[in-house]
PDB file of N, CA and C in Angstrom:
ATOM      1  N   MET A   1     -16.233  18.229 -10.014  1.00  0.00           N
ATOM      2  CA  MET A   1     -15.700  19.518  -9.676  1.00  0.00           C
ATOM      3  C   MET A   1     -16.456  20.129  -8.495  1.00  0.00           C
ATOM      4  N   ASP A   2     -17.771  19.991  -8.505  1.00  0.00           N
ATOM      5  CA  ASP A   2     -18.558  20.562  -7.404  1.00  0.00           C
ATOM      6  C   ASP A   2     -18.191  19.918  -6.067  1.00  0.00           C
ATOM      7  N   LYS A   3     -18.038  18.613  -6.068  1.00  0.00           N
ATOM      8  CA  LYS A   3     -17.667  17.894  -4.840  1.00  0.00           C
ATOM      9  C   LYS A   3     -16.292  18.324  -4.351  1.00  0.00           C
ATOM     10  N   ALA A   4     -15.363  18.496  -5.272  1.00  0.00           N
ATOM     11  CA  ALA A   4     -14.021  18.934  -4.899  1.00  0.00           C
ATOM     12  C   ALA A   4     -14.056  20.328  -4.289  1.00  0.00           C
ATOM     13  N   ARG A   5     -14.914  21.184  -4.807  1.00  0.00           N
ATOM     14  CA  ARG A   5     -15.050  22.549  -4.267  1.00  0.00           C
ATOM     15  C   ARG A   5     -15.726  22.546  -2.888  1.00  0.00           C
ATOM     16  N   GLU A   6     -16.592  21.588  -2.642  1.00  0.00           N
ATOM     17  CA  GLU A   6     -17.283  21.502  -1.350  1.00  0.00           C
ATOM     18  C   GLU A   6     -16.346  21.064  -0.219  1.00  0.00           C
ATOM     19  N   LEU A   7     -15.241  20.445  -0.559  1.00  0.00           N
ATOM     20  CA  LEU A   7     -14.333  19.911   0.458  1.00  0.00           C
ATOM     21  C   LEU A   7     -13.837  20.985   1.415  1.00  0.00           C
ATOM     22  N   ASP A   8     -13.621  22.184   0.925  1.00  0.00           N
ATOM     23  CA  ASP A   8     -13.110  23.252   1.771  1.00  0.00           C
ATOM     24  C   ASP A   8     -14.090  23.600   2.890  1.00  0.00           C
ATOM     25  N   SER A   9     -15.375  23.713   2.563  1.00  0.00           N
ATOM     26  CA  SER A   9     -16.365  24.012   3.611  1.00  0.00           C
ATOM     27  C   SER A   9     -16.570  22.812   4.537  1.00  0.00           C
ATOM     28  N   ASP A  10     -16.467  21.615   3.981  1.00  0.00           N
ATOM     29  CA  ASP A  10     -16.558  20.414   4.820  1.00  0.00           C
ATOM     30  C   ASP A  10     -15.384  20.355   5.797  1.00  0.00           C
ATOM     31  N   ASP A  11     -14.214  20.775   5.343  1.00  0.00           N
ATOM     32  CA  ASP A  11     -13.037  20.792   6.210  1.00  0.00           C
ATOM     33  C   ASP A  11     -13.241  21.759   7.379  1.00  0.00           C
ATOM     34  N   ASP A  12     -13.882  22.884   7.123  1.00  0.00           N
ATOM     35  CA  ASP A  12     -14.160  23.834   8.210  1.00  0.00           C
ATOM     36  C   ASP A  12     -15.036  23.192   9.283  1.00  0.00           C
ATOM     37  N   LYS A  13     -15.990  22.391   8.857  1.00  0.00           N
ATOM     38  CA  LYS A  13     -16.858  21.688   9.817  1.00  0.00           C
ATOM     39  C   LYS A  13     -16.051  20.682  10.634  1.00  0.00           C
ATOM     40  N   ILE A  14     -15.141  19.981   9.976  1.00  0.00           N
ATOM     41  CA  ILE A  14     -14.285  19.011  10.672  1.00  0.00           C
ATOM     42  C   ILE A  14     -13.379  19.725  11.668  1.00  0.00           C
ATOM     43  N   ASP A  15     -12.858  20.886  11.283  1.00  0.00           N
ATOM     44  CA  ASP A  15     -12.013  21.664  12.195  1.00  0.00           C
ATOM     45  C   ASP A  15     -12.791  22.074  13.443  1.00  0.00           C
ATOM     46  N   GLU A  16     -14.032  22.508  13.256  1.00  0.00           N
ATOM     47  CA  GLU A  16     -14.878  22.880  14.393  1.00  0.00           C
ATOM     48  C   GLU A  16     -15.163  21.669  15.281  1.00  0.00           C
ATOM     49  N   LEU A  17     -15.418  20.543  14.658  1.00  0.00           N
ATOM     50  CA  LEU A  17     -15.667  19.315  15.413  1.00  0.00           C
ATOM     51  C   LEU A  17     -14.427  18.911  16.207  1.00  0.00           C
ATOM     52  N   TYR A  18     -13.265  19.024  15.593  1.00  0.00           N
ATOM     53  CA  TYR A  18     -12.011  18.701  16.280  1.00  0.00           C
ATOM     54  C   TYR A  18     -11.835  19.592  17.509  1.00  0.00           C
ATOM     55  N   ASP A  19     -12.055  20.889  17.345  1.00  0.00           N
ATOM     56  CA  ASP A  19     -11.935  21.816  18.472  1.00  0.00           C
ATOM     57  C   ASP A  19     -12.906  21.456  19.586  1.00  0.00           C
ATOM     58  N   SER A  20     -14.118  21.098  19.208  1.00  0.00           N
ATOM     59  CA  SER A  20     -15.137  20.706  20.188  1.00  0.00           C
ATOM     60  C   SER A  20     -14.716  19.452  20.948  1.00  0.00           C
ATOM     61  N   ILE A  21     -14.241  18.464  20.215  1.00  0.00           N
ATOM     62  CA  ILE A  21     -13.789  17.218  20.844  1.00  0.00           C
ATOM     63  C   ILE A  21     -12.622  17.493  21.781  1.00  0.00           C
ATOM     64  N   LEU A  22     -11.681  18.299  21.328  1.00  0.00           N
ATOM     65  CA  LEU A  22     -10.510  18.608  22.139  1.00  0.00           C
ATOM     66  C   LEU A  22     -10.919  19.287  23.451  1.00  0.00           C
ATOM     67  N   ASN A  23     -11.825  20.232  23.370  1.00  0.00           N
ATOM     68  CA  ASN A  23     -12.295  20.907  24.587  1.00  0.00           C
ATOM     69  C   ASN A  23     -13.010  19.941  25.522  1.00  0.00           C
ATOM     70  N   GLU A  24     -13.849  19.101  24.963  1.00  0.00           N
ATOM     71  CA  GLU A  24     -14.630  18.158  25.773  1.00  0.00           C
ATOM     72  C   GLU A  24     -13.733  17.132  26.463  1.00  0.00           C
ATOM     73  N   VAL A  25     -12.852  16.523  25.723  1.00  0.00           N
ATOM     74  CA  VAL A  25     -12.031  15.470  26.319  1.00  0.00           C
ATOM     75  C   VAL A  25     -10.986  16.038  27.273  1.00  0.00           C
ATOM     76  N   THR A  26     -10.546  17.264  27.033  1.00  0.00           N
ATOM     77  CA  THR A  26      -9.603  17.888  27.960  1.00  0.00           C
ATOM     78  C   THR A  26     -10.252  18.116  29.317  1.00  0.00           C
ATOM     79  N   SER A  27     -11.468  18.612  29.307  1.00  0.00           N
ATOM     80  CA  SER A  27     -12.156  18.824  30.588  1.00  0.00           C
ATOM     81  C   SER A  27     -12.473  17.489  31.265  1.00  0.00           C
ATOM     82  N   THR A  28     -12.778  16.481  30.481  1.00  0.00           N
ATOM     83  CA  THR A  28     -13.032  15.150  31.048  1.00  0.00           C
ATOM     84  C   THR A  28     -11.763  14.590  31.679  1.00  0.00           C
ATOM     85  N   MET A  29     -10.620  14.785  31.007  1.00  0.00           N
ATOM     86  CA  MET A  29      -9.372  14.265  31.522  1.00  0.00           C
ATOM     87  C   MET A  29      -9.007  14.952  32.847  1.00  0.00           C
ATOM     88  N   ILE A  30      -9.308  16.224  32.977  1.00  0.00           N
ATOM     89  CA  ILE A  30      -9.028  16.951  34.215  1.00  0.00           C
ATOM     90  C   ILE A  30      -9.898  16.414  35.353  1.00  0.00           C
ATOM     91  N   ASN A  31     -11.156  16.105  35.042  1.00  0.00           N
ATOM     92  CA  ASN A  31     -12.087  15.645  36.069  1.00  0.00           C
ATOM     93  C   ASN A  31     -11.948  14.156  36.385  1.00  0.00           C
ATOM     94  N   ASP A  32     -11.568  13.353  35.402  1.00  0.00           N
ATOM     95  CA  ASP A  32     -11.457  11.902  35.582  1.00  0.00           C
ATOM     96  C   ASP A  32     -10.097  11.424  35.078  1.00  0.00           C
ATOM     97  N   ALA A  33      -9.072  11.622  35.888  1.00  0.00           N
ATOM     98  CA  ALA A  33      -7.702  11.300  35.476  1.00  0.00           C
ATOM     99  C   ALA A  33      -7.520   9.818  35.159  1.00  0.00           C
ATOM    100  N   GLU A  34      -8.346   8.962  35.716  1.00  0.00           N
ATOM    101  CA  GLU A  34      -8.196   7.525  35.464  1.00  0.00           C
ATOM    102  C   GLU A  34      -8.455   7.156  34.006  1.00  0.00           C
ATOM    103  N   PHE A  35      -9.187   8.011  33.299  1.00  0.00           N
ATOM    104  CA  PHE A  35      -9.489   7.747  31.888  1.00  0.00           C
ATOM    105  C   PHE A  35      -8.479   8.399  30.947  1.00  0.00           C
ATOM    106  N   ALA A  36      -7.429   8.991  31.490  1.00  0.00           N
ATOM    107  CA  ALA A  36      -6.460   9.738  30.681  1.00  0.00           C
ATOM    108  C   ALA A  36      -5.915   8.942  29.495  1.00  0.00           C
ATOM    109  N   PRO A  37      -5.510   7.676  29.658  1.00  0.00           N
ATOM    110  CA  PRO A  37      -4.982   6.946  28.483  1.00  0.00           C
ATOM    111  C   PRO A  37      -6.000   6.832  27.346  1.00  0.00           C
ATOM    112  N   TYR A  38      -7.258   6.625  27.681  1.00  0.00           N
ATOM    113  CA  TYR A  38      -8.302   6.513  26.658  1.00  0.00           C
ATOM    114  C   TYR A  38      -8.579   7.868  26.016  1.00  0.00           C
ATOM    115  N   ILE A  39      -8.530   8.899  26.831  1.00  0.00           N
ATOM    116  CA  ILE A  39      -8.780  10.241  26.322  1.00  0.00           C
ATOM    117  C   ILE A  39      -7.657  10.679  25.386  1.00  0.00           C
ATOM    118  N   ILE A  40      -6.441  10.328  25.729  1.00  0.00           N
ATOM    119  CA  ILE A  40      -5.313  10.658  24.855  1.00  0.00           C
ATOM    120  C   ILE A  40      -5.475   9.963  23.506  1.00  0.00           C
ATOM    121  N   ASP A  41      -5.911   8.713  23.526  1.00  0.00           N
ATOM    122  CA  ASP A  41      -6.183   8.004  22.259  1.00  0.00           C
ATOM    123  C   ASP A  41      -7.256   8.726  21.458  1.00  0.00           C
ATOM    124  N   THR A  42      -8.280   9.202  22.135  1.00  0.00           N
ATOM    125  CA  THR A  42      -9.371   9.929  21.467  1.00  0.00           C
ATOM    126  C   THR A  42      -8.852  11.217  20.837  1.00  0.00           C
ATOM    127  N   ILE A  43      -7.980  11.912  21.546  1.00  0.00           N
ATOM    128  CA  ILE A  43      -7.394  13.140  21.000  1.00  0.00           C
ATOM    129  C   ILE A  43      -6.594  12.826  19.739  1.00  0.00           C
ATOM    130  N   PHE A  44      -5.781  11.766  19.792  1.00  0.00           N
ATOM    131  CA  PHE A  44      -5.014  11.381  18.603  1.00  0.00           C
ATOM    132  C   PHE A  44      -5.920  11.016  17.439  1.00  0.00           C
ATOM    133  N   LEU A  45      -6.973  10.250  17.699  1.00  0.00           N
ATOM    134  CA  LEU A  45      -7.899   9.869  16.631  1.00  0.00           C
ATOM    135  C   LEU A  45      -8.555  11.092  16.006  1.00  0.00           C
ATOM    136  N   ALA A  46      -8.986  12.030  16.848  1.00  0.00           N
ATOM    137  CA  ALA A  46      -9.615  13.249  16.334  1.00  0.00           C
ATOM    138  C   ALA A  46      -8.619  14.040  15.488  1.00  0.00           C
ATOM    139  N   ARG A  47      -7.387  14.107  15.934  1.00  0.00           N
ATOM    140  CA  ARG A  47      -6.353  14.832  15.187  1.00  0.00           C
ATOM    141  C   ARG A  47      -6.083  14.159  13.850  1.00  0.00           C
ATOM    142  N   TYR A  48      -6.011  12.837  13.839  1.00  0.00           N
ATOM    143  CA  TYR A  48      -5.784  12.131  12.579  1.00  0.00           C
ATOM    144  C   TYR A  48      -6.927  12.367  11.596  1.00  0.00           C
ATOM    145  N   MET A  49      -8.145  12.365  12.097  1.00  0.00           N
ATOM    146  CA  MET A  49      -9.302  12.624  11.220  1.00  0.00           C
ATOM    147  C   MET A  49      -9.250  14.043  10.660  1.00  0.00           C
ATOM    148  N   GLU A  50      -8.825  14.985  11.495  1.00  0.00           N
ATOM    149  CA  GLU A  50      -8.712  16.371  11.044  1.00  0.00           C
ATOM    150  C   GLU A  50      -7.647  16.483   9.954  1.00  0.00           C
ATOM    151  N   ARG A  51      -6.546  15.775  10.099  1.00  0.00           N
ATOM    152  CA  ARG A  51      -5.487  15.792   9.087  1.00  0.00           C
ATOM    153  C   ARG A  51      -5.942  15.122   7.791  1.00  0.00           C
ATOM    154  N   ILE A  52      -6.734  14.061   7.910  1.00  0.00           N
ATOM    155  CA  ILE A  52      -7.280  13.404   6.711  1.00  0.00           C
ATOM    156  C   ILE A  52      -8.150  14.386   5.940  1.00  0.00           C
ATOM    157  N   ALA A  53      -8.951  15.159   6.656  1.00  0.00           N
ATOM    158  CA  ALA A  53      -9.792  16.167   5.998  1.00  0.00           C
ATOM    159  C   ALA A  53      -8.927  17.207   5.295  1.00  0.00           C
ATOM    160  N   ASP A  54      -7.835  17.622   5.927  1.00  0.00           N
ATOM    161  CA  ASP A  54      -6.915  18.575   5.291  1.00  0.00           C
ATOM    162  C   ASP A  54      -6.328  17.995   4.010  1.00  0.00           C
ATOM    163  N   LYS A  55      -5.956  16.736   4.059  1.00  0.00           N
ATOM    164  CA  LYS A  55      -5.399  16.075   2.870  1.00  0.00           C
ATOM    165  C   LYS A  55      -6.442  15.974   1.759  1.00  0.00           C
ATOM    166  N   ALA A  56      -7.694  15.712   2.130  1.00  0.00           N
ATOM    167  CA  ALA A  56      -8.764  15.629   1.131  1.00  0.00           C
ATOM    168  C   ALA A  56      -8.940  16.975   0.424  1.00  0.00           C
ATOM    169  N   VAL A  57      -8.852  18.063   1.170  1.00  0.00           N
ATOM    170  CA  VAL A  57      -8.950  19.398   0.567  1.00  0.00           C
ATOM    171  C   VAL A  57      -7.801  19.605  -0.417  1.00  0.00           C
ATOM    172  N   SER A  58      -6.611  19.195  -0.019  1.00  0.00           N
ATOM    173  CA  SER A  58      -5.451  19.331  -0.893  1.00  0.00           C
ATOM    174  C   SER A  58      -5.634  18.527  -2.182  1.00  0.00           C
ATOM    175  N   ILE A  59      -6.122  17.312  -2.054  1.00  0.00           N
ATOM    176  CA  ILE A  59      -6.362  16.474  -3.235  1.00  0.00           C
ATOM    177  C   ILE A  59      -7.426  17.109  -4.129  1.00  0.00           C
ATOM    178  N   GLY A  60      -8.485  17.626  -3.515  1.00  0.00           N
ATOM    179  CA  GLY A  60      -9.531  18.293  -4.282  1.00  0.00           C
ATOM    180  C   GLY A  60      -9.002  19.513  -5.024  1.00  0.00           C
ATOM    181  N   SER A  61      -8.174  20.305  -4.350  1.00  0.00           N
ATOM    182  CA  SER A  61      -7.592  21.496  -4.984  1.00  0.00           C
ATOM    183  C   SER A  61      -6.691  21.112  -6.150  1.00  0.00           C
ATOM    184  N   ARG A  62      -5.909  20.077  -5.974  1.00  0.00           N
ATOM    185  CA  ARG A  62      -5.030  19.625  -7.057  1.00  0.00           C
ATOM    186  C   ARG A  62      -5.834  19.076  -8.229  1.00  0.00           C
ATOM    187  N   THR A  63      -6.921  18.402  -7.914  1.00  0.00           N
ATOM    188  CA  THR A  63      -7.790  17.870  -8.970  1.00  0.00           C
ATOM    189  C   THR A  63      -8.393  19.004  -9.780  1.00  0.00           C
ATOM    190  N   ILE A  64      -8.889  20.017  -9.081  1.00  0.00           N
ATOM    191  CA  ILE A  64      -9.454  21.183  -9.781  1.00  0.00           C
ATOM    192  C   ILE A  64      -8.389  21.827 -10.666  1.00  0.00           C
ATOM    193  N   PHE A  65      -7.188  21.970 -10.140  1.00  0.00           N
ATOM    194  CA  PHE A  65      -6.107  22.567 -10.919  1.00  0.00           C
ATOM    195  C   PHE A  65      -5.786  21.742 -12.161  1.00  0.00           C
ATOM    196  N   MET A  66      -5.734  20.421 -12.008  1.00  0.00           N
ATOM    197  CA  MET A  66      -5.417  19.569 -13.159  1.00  0.00           C
ATOM    198  C   MET A  66      -6.468  19.683 -14.252  1.00  0.00           C
ATOM    199  N   ILE A  67      -7.715  19.914 -13.864  1.00  0.00           N
ATOM    200  CA  ILE A  67      -8.788  19.991 -14.856  1.00  0.00           C
ATOM    201  C   ILE A  67      -8.888  21.386 -15.468  1.00  0.00           C
ATOM    202  N   THR A  68      -8.754  22.426 -14.626  1.00  0.00           N
ATOM    203  CA  THR A  68      -8.997  23.798 -15.091  1.00  0.00           C
ATOM    204  C   THR A  68      -7.735  24.618 -15.336  1.00  0.00           C
ATOM    205  N   LEU A  69      -6.603  24.148 -14.809  1.00  0.00           N
ATOM    206  CA  LEU A  69      -5.345  24.903 -14.828  1.00  0.00           C
ATOM    207  C   LEU A  69      -5.469  26.222 -14.074  1.00  0.00           C
ATOM    208  N   LYS A  70      -6.394  26.266 -13.129  1.00  0.00           N
ATOM    209  CA  LYS A  70      -6.564  27.430 -12.253  1.00  0.00           C
ATOM    210  C   LYS A  70      -6.536  26.957 -10.809  1.00  0.00           C
ATOM    211  N   ARG A  71      -5.864  27.720  -9.958  1.00  0.00           N
ATOM    212  CA  ARG A  71      -5.794  27.366  -8.547  1.00  0.00           C
ATOM    213  C   ARG A  71      -7.081  27.798  -7.847  1.00  0.00           C
ATOM    214  N   PRO A  72      -7.759  26.882  -7.179  1.00  0.00           N
ATOM    215  CA  PRO A  72      -9.012  27.217  -6.511  1.00  0.00           C
ATOM    216  C   PRO A  72      -8.808  28.330  -5.479  1.00  0.00           C
ATOM    217  N   GLY A  73      -9.692  29.322  -5.539  1.00  0.00           N
ATOM    218  CA  GLY A  73      -9.635  30.413  -4.589  1.00  0.00           C
ATOM    219  C   GLY A  73      -8.606  31.480  -4.918  1.00  0.00           C
ATOM    220  N   ILE A  74      -7.739  31.211  -5.875  1.00  0.00           N
ATOM    221  CA  ILE A  74      -6.703  32.196  -6.234  1.00  0.00           C
ATOM    222  C   ILE A  74      -6.924  32.687  -7.655  1.00  0.00           C
ATOM    223  N   ASP A  75      -6.978  31.784  -8.594  1.00  0.00           N
ATOM    224  CA  ASP A  75      -7.129  32.154 -10.008  1.00  0.00           C
ATOM    225  C   ASP A  75      -8.582  32.207 -10.452  1.00  0.00           C
ATOM    226  N   GLU A  76      -9.491  31.770  -9.575  1.00  0.00           N
ATOM    227  CA  GLU A  76     -10.905  31.705  -9.992  1.00  0.00           C
ATOM    228  C   GLU A  76     -11.609  33.008  -9.693  1.00  0.00           C
TER     229      GLU A  76
END
């Protein structure tokens, strides 16, 4: 249960990391257009990782609900 509850704060860290990566690679792509195909792949990978983190939070919330019958952050 504790690990499932920690997922939400971990997701916030992943969101911040995604934003950081997006800013960094966007400026790199502007300065070095020849690397654009690789940078686009990096953006997609970062986005997929961010979505995986979102899904993990959802799974954790559902797990908490199945055990406690309370919605995390709403009924607690």
